[in-house]
Structure formats: C-alpha cells, structure tokens
Amino acid sequence: MRNAKAQSEILADATTDGRRNPVGTELLDLFVFEAGSRIFAVPANQVDGTTEARVPAVLPHTPQAILGVVCARGRMLTVVGPALCLV
C-alpha cells in the first residue's frame, strides 16, 4: 500500500509543478472584447492599447477581411474583421 501511494505522489509531482497547472501549460492574461455579436480574446501581452471606436476608412482592392484603416495615436492601423477571417 505504501508503495502505491508513493507512486501516485511521484505521478502528481511529474504532472504539476506545485501549482494547479499541469507541467507544460501556461496561464495567459487575456484581453476580451466584443465585435458585433461575438466575443473574442487575445493574449494581453499582444495588446498595445485601446481607443474609442472609429469608423475605418475603406481601402480599395483589399481582401474582404480588411475593413480599412484608422488613425490611432498618430499611427495608421489596419482594421481586420475577425469574423471574416474565420470563414
């Protein structure tokens, strides 16, 4: 019986690093936002900042997923329609 308990403890130590997460997994802070009726999340370390909603200026001859460009903090940023990218 003692040997079985020791094996389960070894197995527990091999699959966790002392926390509740299995070894090899990583907890991420997510930035969650809503676009239309859908909810999206991206890793927070990939978010440069947020700004108020703006209507993008349409660009001719772009793929359907590119909604246009907006100016934010003095930079021109491409607006991508995430729902259109999933199709």
PDB file of N, CA and C in Angstrom:
ATOM      1  N   MET A   1       0.823  -1.194   0.000  1.00  0.00           N
ATOM      2  CA  MET A   1       0.000   0.000   0.000  1.00  0.00           C
ATOM      3  C   MET A   1       0.867   1.258   0.000  1.00  0.00           C
ATOM      4  N   ARG A   2       1.914   1.221   0.806  1.00  0.00           N
ATOM      5  CA  ARG A   2       2.788   2.392   0.861  1.00  0.00           C
ATOM      6  C   ARG A   2       3.437   2.653  -0.487  1.00  0.00           C
ATOM      7  N   ASN A   3       3.827   1.613  -1.194  1.00  0.00           N
ATOM      8  CA  ASN A   3       4.450   1.747  -2.495  1.00  0.00           C
ATOM      9  C   ASN A   3       3.492   2.387  -3.496  1.00  0.00           C
ATOM     10  N   ALA A   4       2.213   2.029  -3.490  1.00  0.00           N
ATOM     11  CA  ALA A   4       1.222   2.606  -4.393  1.00  0.00           C
ATOM     12  C   ALA A   4       1.044   4.097  -4.110  1.00  0.00           C
ATOM     13  N   LYS A   5       1.041   4.473  -2.852  1.00  0.00           N
ATOM     14  CA  LYS A   5       0.904   5.886  -2.507  1.00  0.00           C
ATOM     15  C   LYS A   5       2.112   6.680  -3.008  1.00  0.00           C
ATOM     16  N   ALA A   6       3.276   6.123  -2.844  1.00  0.00           N
ATOM     17  CA  ALA A   6       4.484   6.807  -3.299  1.00  0.00           C
ATOM     18  C   ALA A   6       4.463   6.996  -4.810  1.00  0.00           C
ATOM     19  N   GLN A   7       3.980   5.991  -5.550  1.00  0.00           N
ATOM     20  CA  GLN A   7       3.899   6.111  -6.995  1.00  0.00           C
ATOM     21  C   GLN A   7       2.916   7.197  -7.410  1.00  0.00           C
ATOM     22  N   SER A   8       1.784   7.306  -6.725  1.00  0.00           N
ATOM     23  CA  SER A   8       0.818   8.355  -7.075  1.00  0.00           C
ATOM     24  C   SER A   8       1.381   9.733  -6.768  1.00  0.00           C
ATOM     25  N   GLU A   9       2.158   9.845  -5.698  1.00  0.00           N
ATOM     26  CA  GLU A   9       2.788  11.128  -5.383  1.00  0.00           C
ATOM     27  C   GLU A   9       3.818  11.495  -6.444  1.00  0.00           C
ATOM     28  N   ILE A  10       4.572  10.514  -6.906  1.00  0.00           N
ATOM     29  CA  ILE A  10       5.558  10.760  -7.965  1.00  0.00           C
ATOM     30  C   ILE A  10       4.854  11.203  -9.234  1.00  0.00           C
ATOM     31  N   LEU A  11       3.760  10.528  -9.564  1.00  0.00           N
ATOM     32  CA  LEU A  11       2.986  10.894 -10.745  1.00  0.00           C
ATOM     33  C   LEU A  11       2.449  12.313 -10.610  1.00  0.00           C
ATOM     34  N   ALA A  12       1.935  12.676  -9.438  1.00  0.00           N
ATOM     35  CA  ALA A  12       1.414  14.034  -9.217  1.00  0.00           C
ATOM     36  C   ALA A  12       2.524  15.060  -9.380  1.00  0.00           C
ATOM     37  N   ASP A  13       3.710  14.758  -8.847  1.00  0.00           N
ATOM     38  CA  ASP A  13       4.840  15.682  -8.977  1.00  0.00           C
ATOM     39  C   ASP A  13       5.287  15.816 -10.425  1.00  0.00           C
ATOM     40  N   ALA A  14       5.157  14.770 -11.216  1.00  0.00           N
ATOM     41  CA  ALA A  14       5.592  14.812 -12.612  1.00  0.00           C
ATOM     42  C   ALA A  14       4.616  15.568 -13.495  1.00  0.00           C
ATOM     43  N   THR A  15       3.341  15.654 -13.090  1.00  0.00           N
ATOM     44  CA  THR A  15       2.350  16.304 -13.939  1.00  0.00           C
ATOM     45  C   THR A  15       2.022  17.720 -13.505  1.00  0.00           C
ATOM     46  N   THR A  16       2.475  18.129 -12.335  1.00  0.00           N
ATOM     47  CA  THR A  16       2.252  19.507 -11.895  1.00  0.00           C
ATOM     48  C   THR A  16       3.566  20.060 -11.375  1.00  0.00           C
ATOM     49  N   ASP A  17       3.634  21.366 -11.336  1.00  0.00           N
ATOM     50  CA  ASP A  17       4.851  21.998 -10.830  1.00  0.00           C
ATOM     51  C   ASP A  17       4.583  22.656  -9.476  1.00  0.00           C
ATOM     52  N   GLY A  18       3.760  22.004  -8.654  1.00  0.00           N
ATOM     53  CA  GLY A  18       3.441  22.543  -7.347  1.00  0.00           C
ATOM     54  C   GLY A  18       2.247  23.478  -7.372  1.00  0.00           C
ATOM     55  N   ARG A  19       1.771  23.805  -8.559  1.00  0.00           N
ATOM     56  CA  ARG A  19       0.579  24.632  -8.697  1.00  0.00           C
ATOM     57  C   ARG A  19      -0.533  23.761  -9.236  1.00  0.00           C
ATOM     58  N   ARG A  20      -1.624  24.359  -9.605  1.00  0.00           N
ATOM     59  CA  ARG A  20      -2.751  23.594 -10.115  1.00  0.00           C
ATOM     60  C   ARG A  20      -2.623  23.328 -11.613  1.00  0.00           C
ATOM     61  N   ASN A  21      -1.622  23.896 -12.262  1.00  0.00           N
ATOM     62  CA  ASN A  21      -1.454  23.736 -13.712  1.00  0.00           C
ATOM     63  C   ASN A  21      -0.617  22.514 -14.031  1.00  0.00           C
ATOM     64  N   PRO A  22      -1.010  21.756 -15.040  1.00  0.00           N
ATOM     65  CA  PRO A  22      -0.125  20.680 -15.496  1.00  0.00           C
ATOM     66  C   PRO A  22       1.157  21.276 -16.051  1.00  0.00           C
ATOM     67  N   VAL A  23       2.244  20.537 -15.904  1.00  0.00           N
ATOM     68  CA  VAL A  23       3.538  20.987 -16.442  1.00  0.00           C
ATOM     69  C   VAL A  23       3.403  21.141 -17.953  1.00  0.00           C
ATOM     70  N   GLY A  24       3.971  22.199 -18.494  1.00  0.00           N
ATOM     71  CA  GLY A  24       3.915  22.436 -19.932  1.00  0.00           C
ATOM     72  C   GLY A  24       2.768  23.342 -20.336  1.00  0.00           C
ATOM     73  N   THR A  25       1.870  23.658 -19.415  1.00  0.00           N
ATOM     74  CA  THR A  25       0.808  24.602 -19.751  1.00  0.00           C
ATOM     75  C   THR A  25       1.178  25.957 -19.182  1.00  0.00           C
ATOM     76  N   GLU A  26       0.598  26.980 -19.749  1.00  0.00           N
ATOM     77  CA  GLU A  26       0.922  28.339 -19.342  1.00  0.00           C
ATOM     78  C   GLU A  26      -0.371  29.114 -19.171  1.00  0.00           C
ATOM     79  N   LEU A  27      -0.493  29.815 -18.063  1.00  0.00           N
ATOM     80  CA  LEU A  27      -1.646  30.674 -17.869  1.00  0.00           C
ATOM     81  C   LEU A  27      -1.401  31.977 -18.612  1.00  0.00           C
ATOM     82  N   LEU A  28      -2.409  32.468 -19.307  1.00  0.00           N
ATOM     83  CA  LEU A  28      -2.298  33.707 -20.052  1.00  0.00           C
ATOM     84  C   LEU A  28      -3.316  34.707 -19.547  1.00  0.00           C
ATOM     85  N   ASP A  29      -2.916  35.962 -19.446  1.00  0.00           N
ATOM     86  CA  ASP A  29      -3.880  37.029 -19.238  1.00  0.00           C
ATOM     87  C   ASP A  29      -4.471  37.331 -20.599  1.00  0.00           C
ATOM     88  N   LEU A  30      -5.793  37.405 -20.667  1.00  0.00           N
ATOM     89  CA  LEU A  30      -6.462  37.638 -21.939  1.00  0.00           C
ATOM     90  C   LEU A  30      -7.130  38.996 -21.959  1.00  0.00           C
ATOM     91  N   PHE A  31      -7.100  39.634 -23.105  1.00  0.00           N
ATOM     92  CA  PHE A  31      -7.854  40.855 -23.356  1.00  0.00           C
ATOM     93  C   PHE A  31      -9.106  40.413 -24.109  1.00  0.00           C
ATOM     94  N   VAL A  32     -10.249  40.582 -23.475  1.00  0.00           N
ATOM     95  CA  VAL A  32     -11.519  40.121 -24.039  1.00  0.00           C
ATOM     96  C   VAL A  32     -12.268  41.321 -24.599  1.00  0.00           C
ATOM     97  N   PHE A  33     -12.809  41.166 -25.812  1.00  0.00           N
ATOM     98  CA  PHE A  33     -13.573  42.250 -26.415  1.00  0.00           C
ATOM     99  C   PHE A  33     -14.717  41.678 -27.231  1.00  0.00           C
ATOM    100  N   GLU A  34     -15.663  42.526 -27.521  1.00  0.00           N
ATOM    101  CA  GLU A  34     -16.832  42.130 -28.294  1.00  0.00           C
ATOM    102  C   GLU A  34     -16.822  42.864 -29.620  1.00  0.00           C
ATOM    103  N   ALA A  35     -17.089  42.140 -30.682  1.00  0.00           N
ATOM    104  CA  ALA A  35     -17.200  42.721 -32.019  1.00  0.00           C
ATOM    105  C   ALA A  35     -18.495  42.186 -32.617  1.00  0.00           C
ATOM    106  N   GLY A  36     -19.449  43.073 -32.784  1.00  0.00           N
ATOM    107  CA  GLY A  36     -20.760  42.628 -33.235  1.00  0.00           C
ATOM    108  C   GLY A  36     -21.399  41.788 -32.154  1.00  0.00           C
ATOM    109  N   SER A  37     -21.818  40.600 -32.498  1.00  0.00           N
ATOM    110  CA  SER A  37     -22.445  39.720 -31.509  1.00  0.00           C
ATOM    111  C   SER A  37     -21.485  38.644 -31.013  1.00  0.00           C
ATOM    112  N   ARG A  38     -20.218  38.738 -31.361  1.00  0.00           N
ATOM    113  CA  ARG A  38     -19.233  37.728 -30.975  1.00  0.00           C
ATOM    114  C   ARG A  38     -18.279  38.264 -29.918  1.00  0.00           C
ATOM    115  N   ILE A  39     -17.762  37.364 -29.120  1.00  0.00           N
ATOM    116  CA  ILE A  39     -16.780  37.708 -28.099  1.00  0.00           C
ATOM    117  C   ILE A  39     -15.452  37.075 -28.495  1.00  0.00           C
ATOM    118  N   PHE A  40     -14.397  37.865 -28.432  1.00  0.00           N
ATOM    119  CA  PHE A  40     -13.059  37.416 -28.805  1.00  0.00           C
ATOM    120  C   PHE A  40     -12.108  37.646 -27.632  1.00  0.00           C
ATOM    121  N   ALA A  41     -11.000  36.936 -27.634  1.00  0.00           N
ATOM    122  CA  ALA A  41      -9.956  37.138 -26.628  1.00  0.00           C
ATOM    123  C   ALA A  41      -8.603  36.955 -27.305  1.00  0.00           C
ATOM    124  N   VAL A  42      -7.681  37.825 -26.957  1.00  0.00           N
ATOM    125  CA  VAL A  42      -6.308  37.716 -27.446  1.00  0.00           C
ATOM    126  C   VAL A  42      -5.377  37.819 -26.237  1.00  0.00           C
ATOM    127  N   PRO A  43      -4.176  37.261 -26.326  1.00  0.00           N
ATOM    128  CA  PRO A  43      -3.236  37.389 -25.209  1.00  0.00           C
ATOM    129  C   PRO A  43      -2.985  38.869 -24.899  1.00  0.00           C
ATOM    130  N   ALA A  44      -3.062  39.217 -23.622  1.00  0.00           N
ATOM    131  CA  ALA A  44      -2.915  40.614 -23.215  1.00  0.00           C
ATOM    132  C   ALA A  44      -1.555  41.186 -23.594  1.00  0.00           C
ATOM    133  N   ASN A  45      -0.523  40.350 -23.643  1.00  0.00           N
ATOM    134  CA  ASN A  45       0.803  40.869 -23.999  1.00  0.00           C
ATOM    135  C   ASN A  45       0.901  41.223 -25.482  1.00  0.00           C
ATOM    136  N   GLN A  46      -0.118  40.895 -26.272  1.00  0.00           N
ATOM    137  CA  GLN A  46      -0.143  41.253 -27.687  1.00  0.00           C
ATOM    138  C   GLN A  46      -0.947  42.536 -27.932  1.00  0.00           C
ATOM    139  N   VAL A  47      -1.520  43.123 -26.867  1.00  0.00           N
ATOM    140  CA  VAL A  47      -2.346  44.328 -26.990  1.00  0.00           C
ATOM    141  C   VAL A  47      -1.498  45.541 -26.652  1.00  0.00           C
ATOM    142  N   ASP A  48      -1.411  46.472 -27.606  1.00  0.00           N
ATOM    143  CA  ASP A  48      -0.632  47.690 -27.406  1.00  0.00           C
ATOM    144  C   ASP A  48      -1.428  48.728 -26.628  1.00  0.00           C
ATOM    145  N   GLY A  49      -2.743  48.733 -26.793  1.00  0.00           N
ATOM    146  CA  GLY A  49      -3.592  49.682 -26.102  1.00  0.00           C
ATOM    147  C   GLY A  49      -4.997  49.630 -26.668  1.00  0.00           C
ATOM    148  N   THR A  50      -5.849  50.455 -26.139  1.00  0.00           N
ATOM    149  CA  THR A  50      -7.222  50.542 -26.628  1.00  0.00           C
ATOM    150  C   THR A  50      -7.540  51.995 -26.941  1.00  0.00           C
ATOM    151  N   THR A  51      -8.555  52.191 -27.717  1.00  0.00           N
ATOM    152  CA  THR A  51      -9.003  53.532 -28.072  1.00  0.00           C
ATOM    153  C   THR A  51     -10.497  53.483 -28.313  1.00  0.00           C
ATOM    154  N   GLU A  52     -11.127  54.630 -28.404  1.00  0.00           N
ATOM    155  CA  GLU A  52     -12.558  54.653 -28.690  1.00  0.00           C
ATOM    156  C   GLU A  52     -12.807  54.128 -30.105  1.00  0.00           C
ATOM    157  N   ALA A  53     -14.005  53.638 -30.302  1.00  0.00           N
ATOM    158  CA  ALA A  53     -14.357  53.063 -31.613  1.00  0.00           C
ATOM    159  C   ALA A  53     -14.304  54.144 -32.692  1.00  0.00           C
ATOM    160  N   ARG A  54     -13.823  53.762 -33.847  1.00  0.00           N
ATOM    161  CA  ARG A  54     -13.749  54.657 -35.001  1.00  0.00           C
ATOM    162  C   ARG A  54     -14.236  53.914 -36.239  1.00  0.00           C
ATOM    163  N   VAL A  55     -14.756  54.653 -37.175  1.00  0.00           N
ATOM    164  CA  VAL A  55     -15.182  54.059 -38.445  1.00  0.00           C
ATOM    165  C   VAL A  55     -13.967  53.998 -39.358  1.00  0.00           C
ATOM    166  N   PRO A  56     -13.602  52.800 -39.828  1.00  0.00           N
ATOM    167  CA  PRO A  56     -12.406  52.709 -40.669  1.00  0.00           C
ATOM    168  C   PRO A  56     -12.614  53.303 -42.057  1.00  0.00           C
ATOM    169  N   ALA A  57     -11.560  53.919 -42.590  1.00  0.00           N
ATOM    170  CA  ALA A  57     -11.575  54.408 -43.968  1.00  0.00           C
ATOM    171  C   ALA A  57     -11.348  53.204 -44.880  1.00  0.00           C
ATOM    172  N   VAL A  58     -12.260  52.990 -45.798  1.00  0.00           N
ATOM    173  CA  VAL A  58     -12.200  51.821 -46.686  1.00  0.00           C
ATOM    174  C   VAL A  58     -11.060  51.981 -47.682  1.00  0.00           C
ATOM    175  N   LEU A  59     -10.347  50.891 -47.918  1.00  0.00           N
ATOM    176  CA  LEU A  59      -9.265  50.868 -48.892  1.00  0.00           C
ATOM    177  C   LEU A  59      -9.715  50.075 -50.113  1.00  0.00           C
ATOM    178  N   PRO A  60      -9.442  50.580 -51.294  1.00  0.00           N
ATOM    179  CA  PRO A  60      -9.844  49.827 -52.495  1.00  0.00           C
ATOM    180  C   PRO A  60      -8.948  48.615 -52.713  1.00  0.00           C
ATOM    181  N   HIS A  61      -9.498  47.597 -53.342  1.00  0.00           N
ATOM    182  CA  HIS A  61      -8.752  46.407 -53.765  1.00  0.00           C
ATOM    183  C   HIS A  61      -8.096  45.640 -52.615  1.00  0.00           C
ATOM    184  N   THR A  62      -8.754  45.573 -51.479  1.00  0.00           N
ATOM    185  CA  THR A  62      -8.224  44.811 -50.346  1.00  0.00           C
ATOM    186  C   THR A  62      -9.076  43.559 -50.153  1.00  0.00           C
ATOM    187  N   PRO A  63      -8.527  42.548 -49.481  1.00  0.00           N
ATOM    188  CA  PRO A  63      -9.324  41.354 -49.193  1.00  0.00           C
ATOM    189  C   PRO A  63     -10.539  41.709 -48.324  1.00  0.00           C
ATOM    190  N   GLN A  64     -11.536  40.853 -48.368  1.00  0.00           N
ATOM    191  CA  GLN A  64     -12.776  41.108 -47.643  1.00  0.00           C
ATOM    192  C   GLN A  64     -12.556  41.261 -46.135  1.00  0.00           C
ATOM    193  N   ALA A  65     -11.566  40.564 -45.586  1.00  0.00           N
ATOM    194  CA  ALA A  65     -11.318  40.617 -44.148  1.00  0.00           C
ATOM    195  C   ALA A  65     -10.738  41.962 -43.692  1.00  0.00           C
ATOM    196  N   ILE A  66     -10.162  42.741 -44.604  1.00  0.00           N
ATOM    197  CA  ILE A  66      -9.613  44.056 -44.267  1.00  0.00           C
ATOM    198  C   ILE A  66     -10.739  45.082 -44.378  1.00  0.00           C
ATOM    199  N   LEU A  67     -11.111  45.626 -43.221  1.00  0.00           N
ATOM    200  CA  LEU A  67     -12.224  46.583 -43.194  1.00  0.00           C
ATOM    201  C   LEU A  67     -11.788  47.993 -43.552  1.00  0.00           C
ATOM    202  N   GLY A  68     -10.498  48.282 -43.413  1.00  0.00           N
ATOM    203  CA  GLY A  68      -9.990  49.614 -43.724  1.00  0.00           C
ATOM    204  C   GLY A  68      -8.874  49.994 -42.773  1.00  0.00           C
ATOM    205  N   VAL A  69      -8.651  51.292 -42.615  1.00  0.00           N
ATOM    206  CA  VAL A  69      -7.612  51.798 -41.712  1.00  0.00           C
ATOM    207  C   VAL A  69      -8.195  52.888 -40.828  1.00  0.00           C
ATOM    208  N   VAL A  70      -7.593  53.039 -39.643  1.00  0.00           N
ATOM    209  CA  VAL A  70      -7.953  54.120 -38.728  1.00  0.00           C
ATOM    210  C   VAL A  70      -6.665  54.757 -38.223  1.00  0.00           C
ATOM    211  N   CYS A  71      -6.774  55.992 -37.797  1.00  0.00           N
ATOM    212  CA  CYS A  71      -5.643  56.679 -37.188  1.00  0.00           C
ATOM    213  C   CYS A  71      -5.820  56.612 -35.671  1.00  0.00           C
ATOM    214  N   ALA A  72      -4.822  56.073 -34.984  1.00  0.00           N
ATOM    215  CA  ALA A  72      -4.856  55.992 -33.522  1.00  0.00           C
ATOM    216  C   ALA A  72      -3.481  56.337 -32.990  1.00  0.00           C
ATOM    217  N   ARG A  73      -3.413  57.306 -32.108  1.00  0.00           N
ATOM    218  CA  ARG A  73      -2.148  57.758 -31.528  1.00  0.00           C
ATOM    219  C   ARG A  73      -1.127  58.141 -32.581  1.00  0.00           C
ATOM    220  N   GLY A  74      -1.599  58.728 -33.662  1.00  0.00           N
ATOM    221  CA  GLY A  74      -0.716  59.193 -34.720  1.00  0.00           C
ATOM    222  C   GLY A  74      -0.215  58.100 -35.645  1.00  0.00           C
ATOM    223  N   ARG A  75      -0.771  56.910 -35.532  1.00  0.00           N
ATOM    224  CA  ARG A  75      -0.358  55.805 -36.400  1.00  0.00           C
ATOM    225  C   ARG A  75      -1.553  55.330 -37.202  1.00  0.00           C
ATOM    226  N   MET A  76      -1.311  54.888 -38.425  1.00  0.00           N
ATOM    227  CA  MET A  76      -2.360  54.296 -39.251  1.00  0.00           C
ATOM    228  C   MET A  76      -2.374  52.797 -38.969  1.00  0.00           C
ATOM    229  N   LEU A  77      -3.533  52.299 -38.534  1.00  0.00           N
ATOM    230  CA  LEU A  77      -3.665  50.888 -38.188  1.00  0.00           C
ATOM    231  C   LEU A  77      -4.684  50.213 -39.091  1.00  0.00           C
ATOM    232  N   THR A  78      -4.380  49.008 -39.511  1.00  0.00           N
ATOM    233  CA  THR A  78      -5.288  48.230 -40.342  1.00  0.00           C
ATOM    234  C   THR A  78      -6.348  47.592 -39.462  1.00  0.00           C
ATOM    235  N   VAL A  79      -7.598  47.705 -39.878  1.00  0.00           N
ATOM    236  CA  VAL A  79      -8.712  47.107 -39.141  1.00  0.00           C
ATOM    237  C   VAL A  79      -9.093  45.815 -39.849  1.00  0.00           C
ATOM    238  N   VAL A  80      -8.984  44.719 -39.109  1.00  0.00           N
ATOM    239  CA  VAL A  80      -9.288  43.408 -39.651  1.00  0.00           C
ATOM    240  C   VAL A  80     -10.606  42.938 -39.052  1.00  0.00           C
ATOM    241  N   GLY A  81     -11.501  42.430 -39.894  1.00  0.00           N
ATOM    242  CA  GLY A  81     -12.772  41.875 -39.418  1.00  0.00           C
ATOM    243  C   GLY A  81     -12.553  40.450 -38.966  1.00  0.00           C
ATOM    244  N   PRO A  82     -12.469  40.186 -37.642  1.00  0.00           N
ATOM    245  CA  PRO A  82     -12.151  38.836 -37.174  1.00  0.00           C
ATOM    246  C   PRO A  82     -13.154  37.789 -37.611  1.00  0.00           C
ATOM    247  N   ALA A  83     -14.417  38.134 -37.693  1.00  0.00           N
ATOM    248  CA  ALA A  83     -15.431  37.155 -38.123  1.00  0.00           C
ATOM    249  C   ALA A  83     -15.190  36.758 -39.571  1.00  0.00           C
ATOM    250  N   LEU A  84     -14.707  37.666 -40.406  1.00  0.00           N
ATOM    251  CA  LEU A  84     -14.456  37.359 -41.807  1.00  0.00           C
ATOM    252  C   LEU A  84     -13.206  36.492 -41.978  1.00  0.00           C
ATOM    253  N   CYS A  85     -12.296  36.556 -41.015  1.00  0.00           N
ATOM    254  CA  CYS A  85     -11.082  35.739 -41.098  1.00  0.00           C
ATOM    255  C   CYS A  85     -11.373  34.282 -40.800  1.00  0.00           C
ATOM    256  N   LEU A  86     -12.455  34.001 -40.093  1.00  0.00           N
ATOM    257  CA  LEU A  86     -12.771  32.639 -39.687  1.00  0.00           C
ATOM    258  C   LEU A  86     -13.439  31.840 -40.795  1.00  0.00           C
ATOM    259  N   VAL A  87     -13.872  32.516 -41.844  1.00  0.00           N
ATOM    260  CA  VAL A  87     -14.591  31.829 -42.904  1.00  0.00           C
ATOM    261  C   VAL A  87     -13.656  31.043 -43.784  1.00  0.00           C
TER     262      VAL A  87
END
